[in-house]
Amino acid sequence: MAVTIKELMERMPGAFLPEKAGDTEAVIQFEFTGAEPGSWHAAIHNGTCEVNEGQHANPTMTLMADSSDYIDIITGKTDAMKAFMQGKVKLTGNLNLAMKMTSFFKLGG
């Protein structure tokens, strides 16, 4: 059964690795298009990760992607850096956070 954006976003707090995030304080806004359009945001604060549907007023970084491309990245079918270089993922805001963000979570389908 294929995973959905909603499932991935709901799994995010459980995949969070607080020891990797350290003292990072950030809000990551996710904007999805395609088959599963929508907005989500993940707040990393005091060693926790809380995910909610909708827009955040002041995100640290925004990630924009087609929902199917994002699922492929998270499930390991597509390399995140390659997807970014091909323009499948667009980032605005704190790009240093984007480089570190992948280490904050256990990836996999």
N, C-alpha and C. Protein backbone atom coordinates (compact mmCIF):
# COMPACT_ATOMS: atom_id res chain seq x y z
N MET A 1 0.84 -1.19 0.00
CA MET A 1 0.00 0.00 0.00
C MET A 1 0.89 1.25 0.00
N ALA A 2 0.60 2.17 -0.88
CA ALA A 2 1.40 3.39 -0.98
C ALA A 2 1.15 4.29 0.23
N VAL A 3 2.22 4.93 0.67
CA VAL A 3 2.13 5.85 1.80
C VAL A 3 1.59 7.20 1.30
N THR A 4 0.87 7.90 2.18
CA THR A 4 0.32 9.21 1.82
C THR A 4 1.10 10.32 2.54
N ILE A 5 0.93 11.54 2.05
CA ILE A 5 1.55 12.69 2.71
C ILE A 5 1.07 12.77 4.16
N LYS A 6 -0.22 12.61 4.37
CA LYS A 6 -0.79 12.68 5.73
C LYS A 6 -0.09 11.67 6.64
N GLU A 7 0.10 10.44 6.16
CA GLU A 7 0.78 9.42 6.98
C GLU A 7 2.23 9.82 7.26
N LEU A 8 2.92 10.31 6.24
CA LEU A 8 4.31 10.73 6.44
C LEU A 8 4.41 11.84 7.47
N MET A 9 3.54 12.81 7.36
CA MET A 9 3.58 13.94 8.28
C MET A 9 3.23 13.49 9.70
N GLU A 10 2.28 12.58 9.83
CA GLU A 10 1.91 12.08 11.16
C GLU A 10 3.03 11.23 11.77
N ARG A 11 3.85 10.60 10.94
CA ARG A 11 4.97 9.78 11.43
C ARG A 11 6.18 10.61 11.82
N MET A 12 6.23 11.85 11.36
CA MET A 12 7.42 12.68 11.56
C MET A 12 7.86 12.79 13.02
N PRO A 13 6.96 13.10 13.97
CA PRO A 13 7.41 13.20 15.36
C PRO A 13 8.05 11.91 15.87
N GLY A 14 7.54 10.75 15.45
CA GLY A 14 8.10 9.48 15.88
C GLY A 14 9.44 9.17 15.25
N ALA A 15 9.72 9.78 14.10
CA ALA A 15 10.99 9.57 13.40
C ALA A 15 12.04 10.61 13.79
N PHE A 16 11.63 11.56 14.62
CA PHE A 16 12.52 12.65 15.03
C PHE A 16 13.63 12.12 15.94
N LEU A 17 14.85 12.58 15.70
CA LEU A 17 16.01 12.19 16.49
C LEU A 17 16.52 13.42 17.25
N PRO A 18 16.02 13.63 18.48
CA PRO A 18 16.37 14.85 19.22
C PRO A 18 17.88 15.02 19.44
N GLU A 19 18.60 13.90 19.56
CA GLU A 19 20.04 14.00 19.77
C GLU A 19 20.75 14.57 18.55
N LYS A 20 20.18 14.40 17.37
CA LYS A 20 20.76 14.96 16.15
C LYS A 20 20.41 16.44 16.00
N ALA A 21 19.22 16.82 16.45
CA ALA A 21 18.76 18.20 16.31
C ALA A 21 19.43 19.13 17.32
N GLY A 22 19.87 18.56 18.45
CA GLY A 22 20.53 19.39 19.46
C GLY A 22 19.63 20.51 19.95
N ASP A 23 20.15 21.73 19.93
CA ASP A 23 19.37 22.87 20.43
C ASP A 23 18.68 23.64 19.30
N THR A 24 18.47 22.98 18.16
CA THR A 24 17.80 23.62 17.02
C THR A 24 16.39 24.05 17.40
N GLU A 25 16.06 25.27 17.06
CA GLU A 25 14.72 25.81 17.24
C GLU A 25 14.30 26.29 15.85
N ALA A 26 13.30 25.63 15.25
CA ALA A 26 12.94 25.98 13.88
C ALA A 26 11.52 25.53 13.56
N VAL A 27 10.94 26.18 12.57
CA VAL A 27 9.66 25.75 12.02
C VAL A 27 9.86 25.53 10.53
N ILE A 28 9.54 24.32 10.09
CA ILE A 28 9.66 23.97 8.68
C ILE A 28 8.27 23.91 8.08
N GLN A 29 8.04 24.75 7.10
CA GLN A 29 6.75 24.77 6.40
C GLN A 29 6.85 23.87 5.18
N PHE A 30 5.86 23.02 4.99
CA PHE A 30 5.80 22.13 3.82
C PHE A 30 4.61 22.55 2.97
N GLU A 31 4.86 22.79 1.69
CA GLU A 31 3.81 23.15 0.73
C GLU A 31 3.82 22.10 -0.37
N PHE A 32 2.76 21.30 -0.44
CA PHE A 32 2.69 20.22 -1.41
C PHE A 32 1.70 20.54 -2.52
N THR A 33 2.07 20.14 -3.72
CA THR A 33 1.20 20.24 -4.89
C THR A 33 0.98 18.82 -5.42
N GLY A 34 0.30 18.70 -6.52
CA GLY A 34 0.12 17.39 -7.14
C GLY A 34 -1.07 16.63 -6.59
N ALA A 35 -0.92 15.31 -6.49
CA ALA A 35 -2.02 14.43 -6.11
C ALA A 35 -2.52 14.67 -4.68
N GLU A 36 -1.62 15.12 -3.79
CA GLU A 36 -2.00 15.37 -2.40
C GLU A 36 -1.59 16.79 -1.99
N PRO A 37 -2.27 17.79 -2.53
CA PRO A 37 -1.89 19.16 -2.21
C PRO A 37 -2.23 19.49 -0.75
N GLY A 38 -1.45 20.39 -0.18
CA GLY A 38 -1.75 20.83 1.18
C GLY A 38 -0.56 21.49 1.83
N SER A 39 -0.82 22.05 3.00
CA SER A 39 0.20 22.73 3.80
C SER A 39 0.32 22.05 5.16
N TRP A 40 1.54 21.87 5.61
CA TRP A 40 1.85 21.30 6.91
C TRP A 40 3.03 22.07 7.48
N HIS A 41 3.20 22.05 8.79
CA HIS A 41 4.42 22.61 9.36
C HIS A 41 4.88 21.76 10.54
N ALA A 42 6.20 21.69 10.66
CA ALA A 42 6.84 20.94 11.74
C ALA A 42 7.63 21.92 12.60
N ALA A 43 7.29 21.96 13.88
CA ALA A 43 8.00 22.84 14.82
C ALA A 43 8.97 22.01 15.64
N ILE A 44 10.25 22.36 15.56
CA ILE A 44 11.29 21.70 16.34
C ILE A 44 11.66 22.65 17.47
N HIS A 45 11.44 22.17 18.71
CA HIS A 45 11.60 23.05 19.87
C HIS A 45 11.89 22.20 21.10
N ASN A 46 12.94 22.55 21.84
CA ASN A 46 13.28 21.85 23.09
C ASN A 46 13.36 20.34 22.91
N GLY A 47 13.98 19.88 21.84
CA GLY A 47 14.16 18.45 21.64
C GLY A 47 12.91 17.69 21.23
N THR A 48 11.90 18.41 20.75
CA THR A 48 10.68 17.75 20.30
C THR A 48 10.34 18.20 18.88
N CYS A 49 9.47 17.45 18.23
CA CYS A 49 8.98 17.81 16.91
C CYS A 49 7.46 17.65 16.92
N GLU A 50 6.79 18.75 16.65
CA GLU A 50 5.33 18.74 16.60
C GLU A 50 4.89 19.11 15.19
N VAL A 51 4.02 18.31 14.61
CA VAL A 51 3.57 18.53 13.24
C VAL A 51 2.09 18.85 13.23
N ASN A 52 1.73 19.87 12.47
CA ASN A 52 0.33 20.28 12.33
C ASN A 52 0.02 20.58 10.88
N GLU A 53 -1.22 20.39 10.52
CA GLU A 53 -1.67 20.74 9.19
C GLU A 53 -1.89 22.25 9.15
N GLY A 54 -1.62 22.85 8.00
CA GLY A 54 -1.87 24.28 7.83
C GLY A 54 -0.59 25.09 7.74
N GLN A 55 -0.76 26.39 7.64
CA GLN A 55 0.35 27.31 7.48
C GLN A 55 0.79 27.86 8.83
N HIS A 56 2.09 28.07 8.97
CA HIS A 56 2.64 28.71 10.15
C HIS A 56 2.90 30.17 9.81
N ALA A 57 2.70 31.06 10.76
CA ALA A 57 2.84 32.49 10.51
C ALA A 57 4.26 32.91 10.19
N ASN A 58 5.26 32.22 10.74
CA ASN A 58 6.64 32.67 10.58
C ASN A 58 7.61 31.49 10.50
N PRO A 59 7.56 30.70 9.40
CA PRO A 59 8.46 29.55 9.31
C PRO A 59 9.92 29.95 9.13
N THR A 60 10.82 29.10 9.62
CA THR A 60 12.25 29.31 9.46
C THR A 60 12.66 28.97 8.03
N MET A 61 12.01 27.94 7.47
CA MET A 61 12.31 27.47 6.13
C MET A 61 11.02 26.92 5.52
N THR A 62 10.88 27.07 4.21
CA THR A 62 9.74 26.49 3.51
C THR A 62 10.25 25.54 2.43
N LEU A 63 9.64 24.35 2.40
CA LEU A 63 9.95 23.34 1.40
C LEU A 63 8.72 23.18 0.52
N MET A 64 8.91 23.32 -0.80
CA MET A 64 7.81 23.17 -1.75
C MET A 64 8.14 22.01 -2.68
N ALA A 65 7.18 21.09 -2.85
CA ALA A 65 7.42 19.94 -3.71
C ALA A 65 6.10 19.32 -4.14
N ASP A 66 6.15 18.60 -5.25
CA ASP A 66 5.03 17.76 -5.64
C ASP A 66 4.94 16.64 -4.60
N SER A 67 3.74 16.31 -4.18
CA SER A 67 3.57 15.31 -3.11
C SER A 67 4.21 13.98 -3.47
N SER A 68 4.10 13.54 -4.72
CA SER A 68 4.68 12.24 -5.09
C SER A 68 6.21 12.29 -5.07
N ASP A 69 6.80 13.43 -5.46
CA ASP A 69 8.27 13.58 -5.40
C ASP A 69 8.74 13.52 -3.95
N TYR A 70 8.02 14.18 -3.06
CA TYR A 70 8.40 14.20 -1.64
C TYR A 70 8.31 12.79 -1.05
N ILE A 71 7.27 12.07 -1.37
CA ILE A 71 7.12 10.69 -0.89
C ILE A 71 8.30 9.84 -1.38
N ASP A 72 8.68 10.02 -2.64
CA ASP A 72 9.81 9.27 -3.20
C ASP A 72 11.12 9.60 -2.47
N ILE A 73 11.30 10.84 -2.06
CA ILE A 73 12.49 11.23 -1.32
C ILE A 73 12.49 10.56 0.06
N ILE A 74 11.39 10.67 0.77
CA ILE A 74 11.31 10.14 2.13
C ILE A 74 11.42 8.62 2.16
N THR A 75 10.88 7.96 1.16
CA THR A 75 10.93 6.50 1.13
C THR A 75 12.21 5.98 0.48
N GLY A 76 13.11 6.88 0.06
CA GLY A 76 14.40 6.48 -0.44
C GLY A 76 14.45 6.15 -1.93
N LYS A 77 13.37 6.38 -2.65
CA LYS A 77 13.37 6.10 -4.09
C LYS A 77 14.11 7.18 -4.87
N THR A 78 14.17 8.38 -4.30
CA THR A 78 14.83 9.51 -4.96
C THR A 78 15.79 10.17 -3.97
N ASP A 79 16.98 10.52 -4.43
CA ASP A 79 17.95 11.22 -3.60
C ASP A 79 17.51 12.68 -3.41
N ALA A 80 17.50 13.14 -2.16
CA ALA A 80 17.02 14.48 -1.84
C ALA A 80 17.83 15.56 -2.55
N MET A 81 19.15 15.45 -2.57
CA MET A 81 19.99 16.46 -3.21
C MET A 81 19.75 16.48 -4.71
N LYS A 82 19.61 15.30 -5.31
CA LYS A 82 19.35 15.22 -6.74
C LYS A 82 18.00 15.88 -7.07
N ALA A 83 16.99 15.61 -6.24
CA ALA A 83 15.66 16.20 -6.46
C ALA A 83 15.73 17.73 -6.38
N PHE A 84 16.53 18.24 -5.43
CA PHE A 84 16.70 19.68 -5.29
C PHE A 84 17.39 20.25 -6.52
N MET A 85 18.45 19.59 -6.96
CA MET A 85 19.21 20.07 -8.12
C MET A 85 18.36 20.04 -9.40
N GLN A 86 17.43 19.10 -9.48
CA GLN A 86 16.55 18.98 -10.65
C GLN A 86 15.34 19.93 -10.54
N GLY A 87 15.24 20.67 -9.44
CA GLY A 87 14.13 21.60 -9.27
C GLY A 87 12.85 20.94 -8.80
N LYS A 88 12.91 19.68 -8.38
CA LYS A 88 11.71 18.99 -7.89
C LYS A 88 11.35 19.43 -6.48
N VAL A 89 12.35 19.95 -5.78
CA VAL A 89 12.15 20.48 -4.43
C VAL A 89 12.67 21.91 -4.44
N LYS A 90 11.87 22.83 -3.94
CA LYS A 90 12.27 24.23 -3.84
C LYS A 90 12.30 24.61 -2.36
N LEU A 91 13.31 25.38 -1.99
CA LEU A 91 13.48 25.78 -0.60
C LEU A 91 13.61 27.29 -0.52
N THR A 92 13.00 27.86 0.51
CA THR A 92 13.19 29.28 0.81
C THR A 92 13.45 29.41 2.30
N GLY A 93 14.10 30.49 2.67
CA GLY A 93 14.40 30.71 4.09
C GLY A 93 15.79 30.23 4.43
N ASN A 94 15.95 29.63 5.62
CA ASN A 94 17.24 29.19 6.14
C ASN A 94 17.68 27.91 5.44
N LEU A 95 18.53 28.04 4.43
CA LEU A 95 18.97 26.87 3.66
C LEU A 95 19.96 26.01 4.43
N ASN A 96 20.64 26.57 5.43
CA ASN A 96 21.51 25.76 6.29
C ASN A 96 20.67 24.72 7.04
N LEU A 97 19.48 25.11 7.42
CA LEU A 97 18.57 24.18 8.10
C LEU A 97 18.23 23.02 7.18
N ALA A 98 18.03 23.30 5.90
CA ALA A 98 17.70 22.25 4.94
C ALA A 98 18.80 21.20 4.88
N MET A 99 20.04 21.63 4.92
CA MET A 99 21.17 20.70 4.86
C MET A 99 21.20 19.81 6.09
N LYS A 100 20.87 20.35 7.25
CA LYS A 100 20.92 19.60 8.50
C LYS A 100 19.65 18.76 8.73
N MET A 101 18.54 19.22 8.17
CA MET A 101 17.23 18.64 8.48
C MET A 101 17.16 17.13 8.23
N THR A 102 17.77 16.65 7.16
CA THR A 102 17.66 15.23 6.85
C THR A 102 18.26 14.36 7.95
N SER A 103 19.24 14.87 8.68
CA SER A 103 19.85 14.08 9.76
C SER A 103 18.96 14.06 11.02
N PHE A 104 17.97 14.94 11.09
CA PHE A 104 17.10 15.03 12.27
C PHE A 104 16.05 13.92 12.32
N PHE A 105 15.90 13.17 11.22
CA PHE A 105 14.83 12.18 11.13
C PHE A 105 15.34 10.85 10.60
N LYS A 106 14.78 9.76 11.11
CA LYS A 106 15.04 8.44 10.53
C LYS A 106 14.22 8.38 9.25
N LEU A 107 14.86 8.16 8.13
CA LEU A 107 14.14 8.10 6.86
C LEU A 107 13.79 6.66 6.54
N GLY A 108 12.76 6.49 5.75
CA GLY A 108 12.35 5.16 5.32
C GLY A 108 10.85 5.08 5.22
N GLY A 109 10.37 4.20 4.37
CA GLY A 109 8.94 4.09 4.10
C GLY A 109 8.13 3.52 5.18
